[in-house]
């Protein structure tokens, strides 16, 4: 896989290695055609976002040992699906973005100026 870029136009930085995130579980919000969910938004999780995500069908807080998934906590960083992040944002639930670790494809949803307003 070639080097992918972030929303700032520079090399995509890791989002989290502990817990290990990303569609490819390499710590980065990299994507390709296999990633139907577009796990491209690196966010700093909030309690509100975790509750919203669970309520709409994606429980990120409950450990799932059978998938080697530890369950996530507020304050941790994670690559979330672009569509889910935008859905939460439009519902008034903000999980701040880590721009250096957020894939450039998120610019298909919001402008860089908008993304900067909701970043850490």
N, C-alpha and C. Protein backbone atom coordinates (compact mmCIF):
# COMPACT_ATOMS: atom_id res chain seq x y z
N UNK A 1 0.86 -1.18 0.00
CA UNK A 1 0.00 0.00 0.00
C UNK A 1 0.90 1.24 0.00
N UNK A 2 0.61 2.17 -0.88
CA UNK A 2 1.41 3.39 -0.93
C UNK A 2 1.05 4.30 0.22
N UNK A 3 1.91 5.29 0.46
CA UNK A 3 1.64 6.23 1.54
C UNK A 3 0.36 6.99 1.26
N UNK A 4 -0.50 7.02 2.24
CA UNK A 4 -1.77 7.72 2.10
C UNK A 4 -1.67 9.07 2.80
N UNK A 5 -2.56 9.99 2.43
CA UNK A 5 -2.49 11.35 2.96
C UNK A 5 -3.64 11.65 3.91
N UNK A 6 -3.39 12.63 4.77
CA UNK A 6 -4.41 13.08 5.71
C UNK A 6 -5.14 14.29 5.12
N UNK A 7 -6.09 14.81 5.88
CA UNK A 7 -6.90 15.94 5.41
C UNK A 7 -6.08 17.21 5.23
N UNK A 8 -4.89 17.26 5.81
CA UNK A 8 -4.01 18.43 5.66
C UNK A 8 -3.12 18.31 4.43
N UNK A 9 -3.17 17.15 3.75
CA UNK A 9 -2.37 16.95 2.56
C UNK A 9 -0.98 16.40 2.81
N UNK A 10 -0.71 16.03 4.05
CA UNK A 10 0.59 15.45 4.40
C UNK A 10 0.42 13.95 4.66
N UNK A 11 1.53 13.27 4.94
CA UNK A 11 1.49 11.82 5.15
C UNK A 11 0.60 11.49 6.35
N UNK A 12 -0.27 10.52 6.17
CA UNK A 12 -1.19 10.07 7.21
C UNK A 12 -0.40 9.53 8.40
N UNK A 13 -0.67 10.06 9.57
CA UNK A 13 0.00 9.64 10.81
C UNK A 13 -0.83 8.58 11.52
N UNK A 14 -0.21 7.79 12.40
CA UNK A 14 -0.97 6.80 13.17
C UNK A 14 -2.03 7.47 14.05
N UNK A 15 -3.13 6.78 14.22
CA UNK A 15 -4.22 7.24 15.08
C UNK A 15 -4.07 6.64 16.48
N UNK A 16 -3.90 5.33 16.56
CA UNK A 16 -3.72 4.66 17.85
C UNK A 16 -3.11 3.28 17.66
N UNK A 17 -2.11 3.01 18.45
CA UNK A 17 -1.52 1.67 18.47
C UNK A 17 -1.92 0.92 19.75
N UNK A 18 -2.51 1.65 20.72
CA UNK A 18 -2.99 1.03 21.95
C UNK A 18 -4.23 1.77 22.42
N UNK A 19 -5.42 1.30 22.07
CA UNK A 19 -5.69 0.05 21.36
C UNK A 19 -5.35 0.18 19.87
N UNK A 20 -5.05 -0.95 19.27
CA UNK A 20 -4.67 -0.98 17.87
C UNK A 20 -5.90 -0.79 16.99
N UNK A 21 -5.88 0.27 16.20
CA UNK A 21 -7.05 0.65 15.40
C UNK A 21 -6.78 0.54 13.91
N UNK A 22 -7.77 0.91 13.14
CA UNK A 22 -7.68 0.94 11.68
C UNK A 22 -8.31 -0.29 11.06
N UNK A 23 -8.83 -0.13 9.87
CA UNK A 23 -9.43 -1.26 9.15
C UNK A 23 -8.44 -2.40 9.01
N UNK A 24 -7.16 -2.05 8.82
CA UNK A 24 -6.12 -3.06 8.66
C UNK A 24 -5.43 -3.40 9.98
N UNK A 25 -5.91 -2.82 11.09
CA UNK A 25 -5.33 -3.00 12.43
C UNK A 25 -3.81 -2.77 12.41
N UNK A 26 -3.45 -1.62 11.81
CA UNK A 26 -2.05 -1.22 11.78
C UNK A 26 -1.83 0.11 12.48
N UNK A 27 -2.87 0.62 13.14
CA UNK A 27 -2.76 1.87 13.88
C UNK A 27 -3.14 3.10 13.09
N UNK A 28 -3.35 2.95 11.77
CA UNK A 28 -3.64 4.09 10.90
C UNK A 28 -5.04 3.97 10.30
N UNK A 29 -5.60 5.12 9.95
CA UNK A 29 -6.92 5.17 9.32
C UNK A 29 -6.77 5.08 7.80
N UNK A 30 -5.99 4.10 7.35
CA UNK A 30 -5.81 3.86 5.93
C UNK A 30 -7.05 3.16 5.38
N UNK A 31 -7.22 3.26 4.07
CA UNK A 31 -8.39 2.66 3.45
C UNK A 31 -8.05 2.18 2.05
N UNK A 32 -8.88 1.30 1.54
CA UNK A 32 -8.83 0.88 0.14
C UNK A 32 -10.21 0.36 -0.21
N UNK A 33 -10.34 -0.25 -1.37
CA UNK A 33 -11.66 -0.69 -1.84
C UNK A 33 -12.28 -1.79 -0.97
N UNK A 34 -11.49 -2.49 -0.17
CA UNK A 34 -12.04 -3.51 0.73
C UNK A 34 -12.75 -2.91 1.94
N UNK A 35 -12.41 -1.68 2.28
CA UNK A 35 -12.94 -1.01 3.47
C UNK A 35 -14.28 -0.35 3.16
N UNK A 36 -15.33 -1.15 3.11
CA UNK A 36 -16.66 -0.64 2.76
C UNK A 36 -17.16 0.41 3.75
N UNK A 37 -16.72 0.32 5.01
CA UNK A 37 -17.18 1.26 6.02
C UNK A 37 -16.39 2.55 6.08
N UNK A 38 -15.35 2.68 5.28
CA UNK A 38 -14.50 3.87 5.29
C UNK A 38 -14.07 4.24 6.70
N UNK A 39 -13.23 3.42 7.32
CA UNK A 39 -12.72 3.67 8.67
C UNK A 39 -11.61 4.71 8.60
N UNK A 40 -12.00 5.95 8.33
CA UNK A 40 -11.04 6.99 7.96
C UNK A 40 -10.97 8.18 8.90
N UNK A 41 -11.90 8.29 9.84
CA UNK A 41 -11.93 9.44 10.75
C UNK A 41 -11.25 9.06 12.07
N UNK A 42 -10.09 9.66 12.33
CA UNK A 42 -9.41 9.42 13.61
C UNK A 42 -10.00 10.38 14.62
N UNK A 43 -10.67 9.83 15.62
CA UNK A 43 -11.34 10.66 16.62
C UNK A 43 -10.81 10.38 18.02
N UNK A 44 -10.93 11.39 18.87
CA UNK A 44 -10.73 11.20 20.29
C UNK A 44 -12.12 10.95 20.85
N UNK A 45 -12.33 9.72 21.30
CA UNK A 45 -13.66 9.28 21.73
C UNK A 45 -14.17 10.04 22.94
N UNK A 46 -15.47 10.29 22.93
CA UNK A 46 -16.15 10.90 24.06
C UNK A 46 -17.23 9.92 24.53
N UNK A 47 -17.65 10.07 25.76
CA UNK A 47 -18.74 9.24 26.28
C UNK A 47 -19.99 9.42 25.42
N UNK A 48 -20.27 10.66 25.05
CA UNK A 48 -21.45 10.96 24.24
C UNK A 48 -21.39 10.25 22.89
N UNK A 49 -20.21 10.26 22.24
CA UNK A 49 -20.08 9.59 20.94
C UNK A 49 -20.23 8.08 21.09
N UNK A 50 -19.62 7.50 22.12
CA UNK A 50 -19.74 6.06 22.34
C UNK A 50 -21.19 5.65 22.57
N UNK A 51 -21.92 6.43 23.34
CA UNK A 51 -23.34 6.14 23.58
C UNK A 51 -24.16 6.29 22.30
N UNK A 52 -23.87 7.34 21.51
CA UNK A 52 -24.57 7.54 20.24
C UNK A 52 -24.32 6.36 19.32
N UNK A 53 -23.07 5.97 19.19
CA UNK A 53 -22.71 4.88 18.29
C UNK A 53 -23.40 3.58 18.70
N UNK A 54 -23.44 3.32 20.01
CA UNK A 54 -24.12 2.11 20.50
C UNK A 54 -25.61 2.18 20.19
N UNK A 55 -26.19 3.35 20.40
CA UNK A 55 -27.63 3.53 20.18
C UNK A 55 -28.01 3.30 18.71
N UNK A 56 -27.11 3.64 17.79
CA UNK A 56 -27.44 3.47 16.36
C UNK A 56 -26.86 2.19 15.79
N UNK A 57 -26.43 1.28 16.66
CA UNK A 57 -26.10 -0.07 16.20
C UNK A 57 -24.64 -0.46 16.11
N UNK A 58 -23.72 0.38 16.59
CA UNK A 58 -22.31 0.01 16.56
C UNK A 58 -21.71 0.20 17.94
N UNK A 59 -21.77 -0.84 18.75
CA UNK A 59 -21.29 -0.80 20.12
C UNK A 59 -19.76 -0.89 20.14
N UNK A 60 -19.13 0.23 20.42
CA UNK A 60 -17.67 0.29 20.47
C UNK A 60 -17.12 0.15 21.88
N UNK A 61 -17.99 0.17 22.88
CA UNK A 61 -17.51 0.17 24.26
C UNK A 61 -17.49 -1.21 24.93
N UNK A 62 -18.23 -2.16 24.41
CA UNK A 62 -18.27 -3.49 25.01
C UNK A 62 -17.13 -4.35 24.48
N UNK A 63 -16.31 -4.92 25.38
CA UNK A 63 -15.23 -5.81 24.92
C UNK A 63 -15.79 -7.02 24.17
N UNK A 64 -15.10 -7.41 23.10
CA UNK A 64 -15.48 -8.59 22.30
C UNK A 64 -14.22 -9.43 22.13
N UNK A 65 -13.87 -10.23 23.15
CA UNK A 65 -12.63 -11.01 23.11
C UNK A 65 -12.53 -11.94 21.90
N UNK A 66 -13.67 -12.42 21.40
CA UNK A 66 -13.65 -13.32 20.25
C UNK A 66 -13.13 -12.63 18.99
N UNK A 67 -13.16 -11.29 18.99
CA UNK A 67 -12.61 -10.52 17.87
C UNK A 67 -11.34 -9.77 18.27
N UNK A 68 -10.81 -10.12 19.45
CA UNK A 68 -9.63 -9.44 19.99
C UNK A 68 -9.88 -7.93 20.09
N UNK A 69 -11.10 -7.59 20.50
CA UNK A 69 -11.51 -6.19 20.63
C UNK A 69 -11.69 -5.85 22.11
N UNK A 70 -10.91 -4.89 22.62
CA UNK A 70 -10.91 -4.61 24.06
C UNK A 70 -12.10 -3.80 24.56
N UNK A 71 -12.86 -3.19 23.68
CA UNK A 71 -13.87 -2.22 24.10
C UNK A 71 -13.16 -0.89 24.31
N UNK A 72 -13.80 0.18 23.92
CA UNK A 72 -13.15 1.49 23.92
C UNK A 72 -13.68 2.38 25.04
N UNK A 73 -12.83 3.33 25.43
CA UNK A 73 -13.13 4.25 26.53
C UNK A 73 -13.01 5.69 26.06
N UNK A 74 -13.75 6.60 26.71
CA UNK A 74 -13.57 8.02 26.40
C UNK A 74 -12.10 8.41 26.57
N UNK A 75 -11.63 9.27 25.67
CA UNK A 75 -10.25 9.72 25.71
C UNK A 75 -9.32 8.93 24.80
N UNK A 76 -9.72 7.71 24.45
CA UNK A 76 -8.91 6.93 23.52
C UNK A 76 -9.15 7.43 22.11
N UNK A 77 -8.22 7.10 21.21
CA UNK A 77 -8.38 7.46 19.81
C UNK A 77 -8.68 6.21 19.01
N UNK A 78 -9.50 6.38 17.95
CA UNK A 78 -9.96 5.24 17.17
C UNK A 78 -10.34 5.70 15.77
N UNK A 79 -10.11 4.85 14.79
CA UNK A 79 -10.55 5.11 13.41
C UNK A 79 -12.01 4.69 13.29
N UNK A 80 -12.89 5.64 13.16
CA UNK A 80 -14.31 5.33 13.02
C UNK A 80 -14.75 5.51 11.58
N UNK A 81 -15.87 4.91 11.24
CA UNK A 81 -16.40 5.02 9.89
C UNK A 81 -16.80 6.47 9.60
N UNK A 82 -16.42 6.93 8.43
CA UNK A 82 -16.70 8.31 8.04
C UNK A 82 -18.19 8.61 8.13
N UNK A 83 -19.02 7.73 7.59
CA UNK A 83 -20.46 7.95 7.61
C UNK A 83 -21.03 8.06 9.02
N UNK A 84 -20.55 7.21 9.93
CA UNK A 84 -21.04 7.25 11.31
C UNK A 84 -20.60 8.53 11.99
N UNK A 85 -19.35 8.94 11.75
CA UNK A 85 -18.86 10.17 12.36
C UNK A 85 -19.67 11.36 11.88
N UNK A 86 -19.94 11.44 10.57
CA UNK A 86 -20.72 12.54 10.01
C UNK A 86 -22.15 12.49 10.56
N UNK A 87 -22.72 11.30 10.66
CA UNK A 87 -24.07 11.15 11.23
C UNK A 87 -24.12 11.70 12.65
N UNK A 88 -23.14 11.35 13.46
CA UNK A 88 -23.08 11.84 14.84
C UNK A 88 -22.90 13.36 14.86
N UNK A 89 -22.00 13.85 14.04
CA UNK A 89 -21.73 15.30 13.97
C UNK A 89 -23.01 16.06 13.62
N UNK A 90 -23.74 15.57 12.63
CA UNK A 90 -24.98 16.24 12.21
C UNK A 90 -26.08 16.15 13.27
N UNK A 91 -25.94 15.16 14.16
CA UNK A 91 -26.90 15.01 15.28
C UNK A 91 -26.45 15.82 16.50
N UNK A 92 -25.35 16.56 16.35
CA UNK A 92 -24.86 17.39 17.45
C UNK A 92 -23.94 16.67 18.41
N UNK A 93 -23.49 15.47 18.04
CA UNK A 93 -22.58 14.69 18.88
C UNK A 93 -21.19 14.78 18.26
N UNK A 94 -20.29 15.46 18.95
CA UNK A 94 -18.97 15.70 18.39
C UNK A 94 -17.93 14.82 19.06
N UNK A 95 -17.21 14.07 18.23
CA UNK A 95 -16.00 13.37 18.67
C UNK A 95 -14.87 14.08 17.93
N UNK A 96 -14.04 14.83 18.63
CA UNK A 96 -13.02 15.65 17.96
C UNK A 96 -12.08 14.81 17.09
N UNK A 97 -11.75 15.36 15.94
CA UNK A 97 -10.85 14.71 14.99
C UNK A 97 -9.39 14.99 15.30
N UNK A 98 -8.55 14.03 14.99
CA UNK A 98 -7.11 14.22 15.00
C UNK A 98 -6.75 14.36 13.52
N UNK A 99 -6.59 15.59 13.06
CA UNK A 99 -6.46 15.87 11.63
C UNK A 99 -5.28 15.17 10.97
N UNK A 100 -4.15 15.11 11.65
CA UNK A 100 -2.95 14.49 11.08
C UNK A 100 -3.14 13.00 10.83
N UNK A 101 -4.12 12.40 11.53
CA UNK A 101 -4.36 10.97 11.43
C UNK A 101 -5.68 10.63 10.75
N UNK A 102 -6.38 11.65 10.24
CA UNK A 102 -7.65 11.46 9.55
C UNK A 102 -7.42 11.45 8.05
N UNK A 103 -7.88 10.40 7.39
CA UNK A 103 -7.65 10.21 5.95
C UNK A 103 -8.29 11.33 5.13
N UNK A 104 -7.61 11.71 4.07
CA UNK A 104 -8.06 12.81 3.21
C UNK A 104 -9.46 12.59 2.63
N UNK A 105 -9.92 11.36 2.55
CA UNK A 105 -11.25 11.10 1.98
C UNK A 105 -12.37 11.70 2.81
N UNK A 106 -12.11 12.07 4.07
CA UNK A 106 -13.15 12.71 4.88
C UNK A 106 -13.52 14.08 4.29
N UNK A 107 -12.63 14.63 3.47
CA UNK A 107 -12.92 15.90 2.80
C UNK A 107 -14.07 15.77 1.80
N UNK A 108 -14.46 14.52 1.49
CA UNK A 108 -15.64 14.31 0.64
C UNK A 108 -16.93 14.66 1.38
N UNK A 109 -16.85 14.75 2.70
CA UNK A 109 -18.02 15.01 3.53
C UNK A 109 -18.09 16.44 4.04
N UNK A 110 -16.95 16.98 4.48
CA UNK A 110 -16.89 18.34 5.04
C UNK A 110 -15.61 19.02 4.57
N UNK A 111 -15.63 20.33 4.54
CA UNK A 111 -14.45 21.08 4.12
C UNK A 111 -13.38 21.05 5.23
N UNK A 112 -12.15 21.35 4.84
CA UNK A 112 -11.07 21.41 5.82
C UNK A 112 -11.36 22.46 6.88
N UNK A 113 -11.93 23.57 6.50
CA UNK A 113 -12.27 24.63 7.46
C UNK A 113 -13.24 24.09 8.52
N UNK A 114 -14.26 23.34 8.07
CA UNK A 114 -15.22 22.76 9.02
C UNK A 114 -14.54 21.74 9.91
N UNK A 115 -13.67 20.90 9.34
CA UNK A 115 -12.99 19.87 10.11
C UNK A 115 -12.07 20.49 11.16
N UNK A 116 -11.41 21.59 10.81
CA UNK A 116 -10.50 22.26 11.76
C UNK A 116 -11.25 22.74 12.99
N UNK A 117 -12.51 23.13 12.82
CA UNK A 117 -13.32 23.64 13.95
C UNK A 117 -13.64 22.54 14.96
N UNK A 118 -13.56 21.29 14.53
CA UNK A 118 -13.94 20.17 15.41
C UNK A 118 -12.77 19.20 15.58
N UNK A 119 -11.58 19.77 15.71
CA UNK A 119 -10.40 18.93 15.87
C UNK A 119 -9.76 19.18 17.24
N UNK A 120 -8.92 18.24 17.64
CA UNK A 120 -8.21 18.38 18.91
C UNK A 120 -7.00 19.26 18.74
